[in-house]
């Protein structure tokens, strides 16, 4: 299913920072939640997950190892995010200023938000 099909539905949640469709999703969203978590925390989370089975991956896919090209590319993307991709998110927030925008900066804030919504 393509992103246009997903956002045409009555209710949807899309997780991720797919650069090619971010404005499409931003424009269609009722609420934007920006997880602006410190990159050191993100890197630690990635390191803790390495080698563990992920419930979001189909059985035929395996998590890449710590020394794989894909893993190192992902770590570089996380590290550079504040200097590169974050600017895009903030520019879209300014462009679509009518959209409720929740900027969540810590894991504690994430847990609190989920608790408020009865999801945690």
C-alpha atoms as a PDB file:
ATOM      1  CA  UNK A   1       0.000   0.000   0.000  1.00  0.00           C
ATOM      2  CA  UNK A   2       1.318   3.419  -0.916  1.00  0.00           C
ATOM      3  CA  UNK A   3       1.402   6.398   1.441  1.00  0.00           C
ATOM      4  CA  UNK A   4      -1.322   8.230  -0.513  1.00  0.00           C
ATOM      5  CA  UNK A   5      -3.653   5.285   0.036  1.00  0.00           C
ATOM      6  CA  UNK A   6      -2.811   5.157   3.730  1.00  0.00           C
ATOM      7  CA  UNK A   7      -3.462   8.838   4.372  1.00  0.00           C
ATOM      8  CA  UNK A   8      -6.741   8.752   2.471  1.00  0.00           C
ATOM      9  CA  UNK A   9      -8.143   6.507   5.195  1.00  0.00           C
ATOM     10  CA  UNK A  10     -10.241   7.797   8.057  1.00  0.00           C
ATOM     11  CA  UNK A  11      -7.649   6.962  10.719  1.00  0.00           C
ATOM     12  CA  UNK A  12      -3.940   6.306  10.385  1.00  0.00           C
ATOM     13  CA  UNK A  13      -0.637   6.518  12.183  1.00  0.00           C
ATOM     14  CA  UNK A  14       2.618   6.524  10.268  1.00  0.00           C
ATOM     15  CA  UNK A  15       5.885   6.107  12.101  1.00  0.00           C
ATOM     16  CA  UNK A  16       9.094   7.092  10.423  1.00  0.00           C
ATOM     17  CA  UNK A  17      10.911   9.819   8.656  1.00  0.00           C
ATOM     18  CA  UNK A  18      10.502   8.912   5.008  1.00  0.00           C
ATOM     19  CA  UNK A  19      11.908  12.042   3.397  1.00  0.00           C
ATOM     20  CA  UNK A  20      10.202  11.638   0.052  1.00  0.00           C
ATOM     21  CA  UNK A  21       6.702  11.666   1.569  1.00  0.00           C
ATOM     22  CA  UNK A  22       7.128  13.709   4.728  1.00  0.00           C
ATOM     23  CA  UNK A  23       5.317  16.796   3.416  1.00  0.00           C
ATOM     24  CA  UNK A  24       2.467  14.691   2.060  1.00  0.00           C
ATOM     25  CA  UNK A  25       1.972  13.148   5.512  1.00  0.00           C
ATOM     26  CA  UNK A  26       2.479  16.426   7.339  1.00  0.00           C
ATOM     27  CA  UNK A  27      -0.201  18.139   5.256  1.00  0.00           C
ATOM     28  CA  UNK A  28      -2.727  15.328   5.803  1.00  0.00           C
ATOM     29  CA  UNK A  29      -2.103  14.753   9.515  1.00  0.00           C
ATOM     30  CA  UNK A  30      -4.496  15.877  12.221  1.00  0.00           C
ATOM     31  CA  UNK A  31      -1.636  15.920  14.739  1.00  0.00           C
ATOM     32  CA  UNK A  32       2.117  15.698  14.240  1.00  0.00           C
ATOM     33  CA  UNK A  33       4.209  14.115  16.985  1.00  0.00           C
ATOM     34  CA  UNK A  34       7.889  14.847  16.558  1.00  0.00           C
ATOM     35  CA  UNK A  35      10.145  12.585  18.608  1.00  0.00           C
ATOM     36  CA  UNK A  36      13.091  14.924  19.025  1.00  0.00           C
ATOM     37  CA  UNK A  37      15.075  12.548  21.219  1.00  0.00           C
ATOM     38  CA  UNK A  38      18.741  13.280  21.933  1.00  0.00           C
ATOM     39  CA  UNK A  39      20.965  11.474  19.467  1.00  0.00           C
ATOM     40  CA  UNK A  40      23.080   9.944  22.257  1.00  0.00           C
ATOM     41  CA  UNK A  41      19.930   8.329  23.661  1.00  0.00           C
ATOM     42  CA  UNK A  42      18.982   7.110  20.173  1.00  0.00           C
ATOM     43  CA  UNK A  43      22.424   5.620  19.605  1.00  0.00           C
ATOM     44  CA  UNK A  44      22.289   3.841  22.978  1.00  0.00           C
ATOM     45  CA  UNK A  45      18.862   2.422  22.100  1.00  0.00           C
ATOM     46  CA  UNK A  46      20.170   1.140  18.776  1.00  0.00           C
ATOM     47  CA  UNK A  47      23.172  -0.453  20.475  1.00  0.00           C
ATOM     48  CA  UNK A  48      20.881  -2.240  22.956  1.00  0.00           C
ATOM     49  CA  UNK A  49      18.739  -3.658  20.121  1.00  0.00           C
ATOM     50  CA  UNK A  50      21.557  -5.049  17.995  1.00  0.00           C
ATOM     51  CA  UNK A  51      21.214  -8.776  17.529  1.00  0.00           C
ATOM     52  CA  UNK A  52      17.813  -9.029  19.217  1.00  0.00           C
ATOM     53  CA  UNK A  53      14.764 -10.346  17.393  1.00  0.00           C
ATOM     54  CA  UNK A  54      12.458  -7.527  16.360  1.00  0.00           C
ATOM     55  CA  UNK A  55       8.711  -8.088  16.389  1.00  0.00           C
ATOM     56  CA  UNK A  56       8.247  -5.589  13.548  1.00  0.00           C
ATOM     57  CA  UNK A  57      10.379  -7.581  11.086  1.00  0.00           C
ATOM     58  CA  UNK A  58       8.970 -10.543   9.133  1.00  0.00           C
ATOM     59  CA  UNK A  59      10.586 -13.907   9.860  1.00  0.00           C
ATOM     60  CA  UNK A  60      12.529 -13.922   6.590  1.00  0.00           C
ATOM     61  CA  UNK A  61      14.318 -10.644   7.433  1.00  0.00           C
ATOM     62  CA  UNK A  62      17.102 -10.490   9.977  1.00  0.00           C
ATOM     63  CA  UNK A  63      18.476  -7.538  11.906  1.00  0.00           C
ATOM     64  CA  UNK A  64      21.817  -6.511  10.450  1.00  0.00           C
ATOM     65  CA  UNK A  65      24.963  -6.994  12.516  1.00  0.00           C
ATOM     66  CA  UNK A  66      26.839  -4.214  14.225  1.00  0.00           C
ATOM     67  CA  UNK A  67      29.601  -4.171  11.591  1.00  0.00           C
ATOM     68  CA  UNK A  68      27.343  -4.356   8.554  1.00  0.00           C
ATOM     69  CA  UNK A  69      27.283  -1.483   6.066  1.00  0.00           C
ATOM     70  CA  UNK A  70      23.529  -0.998   6.658  1.00  0.00           C
ATOM     71  CA  UNK A  71      23.972  -0.710  10.421  1.00  0.00           C
ATOM     72  CA  UNK A  72      26.804   1.799  10.127  1.00  0.00           C
ATOM     73  CA  UNK A  73      24.821   3.823   7.579  1.00  0.00           C
ATOM     74  CA  UNK A  74      21.861   3.881   9.970  1.00  0.00           C
ATOM     75  CA  UNK A  75      24.074   5.062  12.857  1.00  0.00           C
ATOM     76  CA  UNK A  76      25.476   7.825  10.657  1.00  0.00           C
ATOM     77  CA  UNK A  77      21.929   8.875   9.708  1.00  0.00           C
ATOM     78  CA  UNK A  78      20.944   9.088  13.400  1.00  0.00           C
ATOM     79  CA  UNK A  79      24.051  11.054  14.279  1.00  0.00           C
ATOM     80  CA  UNK A  80      23.592  13.569  11.464  1.00  0.00           C
ATOM     81  CA  UNK A  81      19.812  13.912  11.857  1.00  0.00           C
ATOM     82  CA  UNK A  82      19.907  17.105  13.987  1.00  0.00           C
ATOM     83  CA  UNK A  83      22.009  18.861  11.335  1.00  0.00           C
ATOM     84  CA  UNK A  84      20.112  17.581   8.313  1.00  0.00           C
ATOM     85  CA  UNK A  85      16.588  16.150   8.577  1.00  0.00           C
ATOM     86  CA  UNK A  86      15.419  18.015  11.672  1.00  0.00           C
ATOM     87  CA  UNK A  87      15.488  21.260   9.689  1.00  0.00           C
ATOM     88  CA  UNK A  88      12.949  19.779   7.269  1.00  0.00           C
ATOM     89  CA  UNK A  89      10.571  18.849  10.089  1.00  0.00           C
ATOM     90  CA  UNK A  90      10.802  22.289  11.666  1.00  0.00           C
ATOM     91  CA  UNK A  91      10.290  24.030   8.299  1.00  0.00           C
ATOM     92  CA  UNK A  92       7.156  21.950   7.709  1.00  0.00           C
ATOM     93  CA  UNK A  93       5.951  22.794  11.215  1.00  0.00           C
ATOM     94  CA  UNK A  94       6.268  26.468  10.306  1.00  0.00           C
ATOM     95  CA  UNK A  95       4.577  25.962   6.914  1.00  0.00           C
ATOM     96  CA  UNK A  96       1.676  23.986   8.445  1.00  0.00           C
ATOM     97  CA  UNK A  97       1.396  26.032  11.623  1.00  0.00           C
ATOM     98  CA  UNK A  98      -2.316  25.192  11.893  1.00  0.00           C
ATOM     99  CA  UNK A  99      -1.442  21.554  12.690  1.00  0.00           C
ATOM    100  CA  UNK A 100      -1.168  20.586  16.354  1.00  0.00           C
ATOM    101  CA  UNK A 101       2.522  19.792  16.823  1.00  0.00           C
ATOM    102  CA  UNK A 102       3.812  17.863  19.810  1.00  0.00           C
ATOM    103  CA  UNK A 103       7.581  17.994  20.177  1.00  0.00           C
ATOM    104  CA  UNK A 104       8.637  15.210  22.527  1.00  0.00           C
ATOM    105  CA  UNK A 105      12.238  15.446  23.708  1.00  0.00           C
ATOM    106  CA  UNK A 106      12.673  12.639  26.254  1.00  0.00           C
ATOM    107  CA  UNK A 107      11.654   9.021  26.792  1.00  0.00           C
ATOM    108  CA  UNK A 108       9.914  10.185  29.983  1.00  0.00           C
ATOM    109  CA  UNK A 109       7.766  12.568  27.914  1.00  0.00           C
ATOM    110  CA  UNK A 110       6.916   9.691  25.545  1.00  0.00           C
ATOM    111  CA  UNK A 111       5.797   7.489  28.470  1.00  0.00           C
ATOM    112  CA  UNK A 112       3.780  10.360  29.954  1.00  0.00           C
ATOM    113  CA  UNK A 113       2.043  11.046  26.647  1.00  0.00           C
ATOM    114  CA  UNK A 114       1.192   7.366  26.187  1.00  0.00           C
ATOM    115  CA  UNK A 115      -0.112   7.185  29.766  1.00  0.00           C
ATOM    116  CA  UNK A 116      -2.330  10.230  29.150  1.00  0.00           C
ATOM    117  CA  UNK A 117      -3.791   8.527  26.104  1.00  0.00           C
ATOM    118  CA  UNK A 118      -4.286   5.257  27.998  1.00  0.00           C
ATOM    119  CA  UNK A 119      -1.876   3.396  25.754  1.00  0.00           C
ATOM    120  CA  UNK A 120       0.805   2.624  28.327  1.00  0.00           C
END
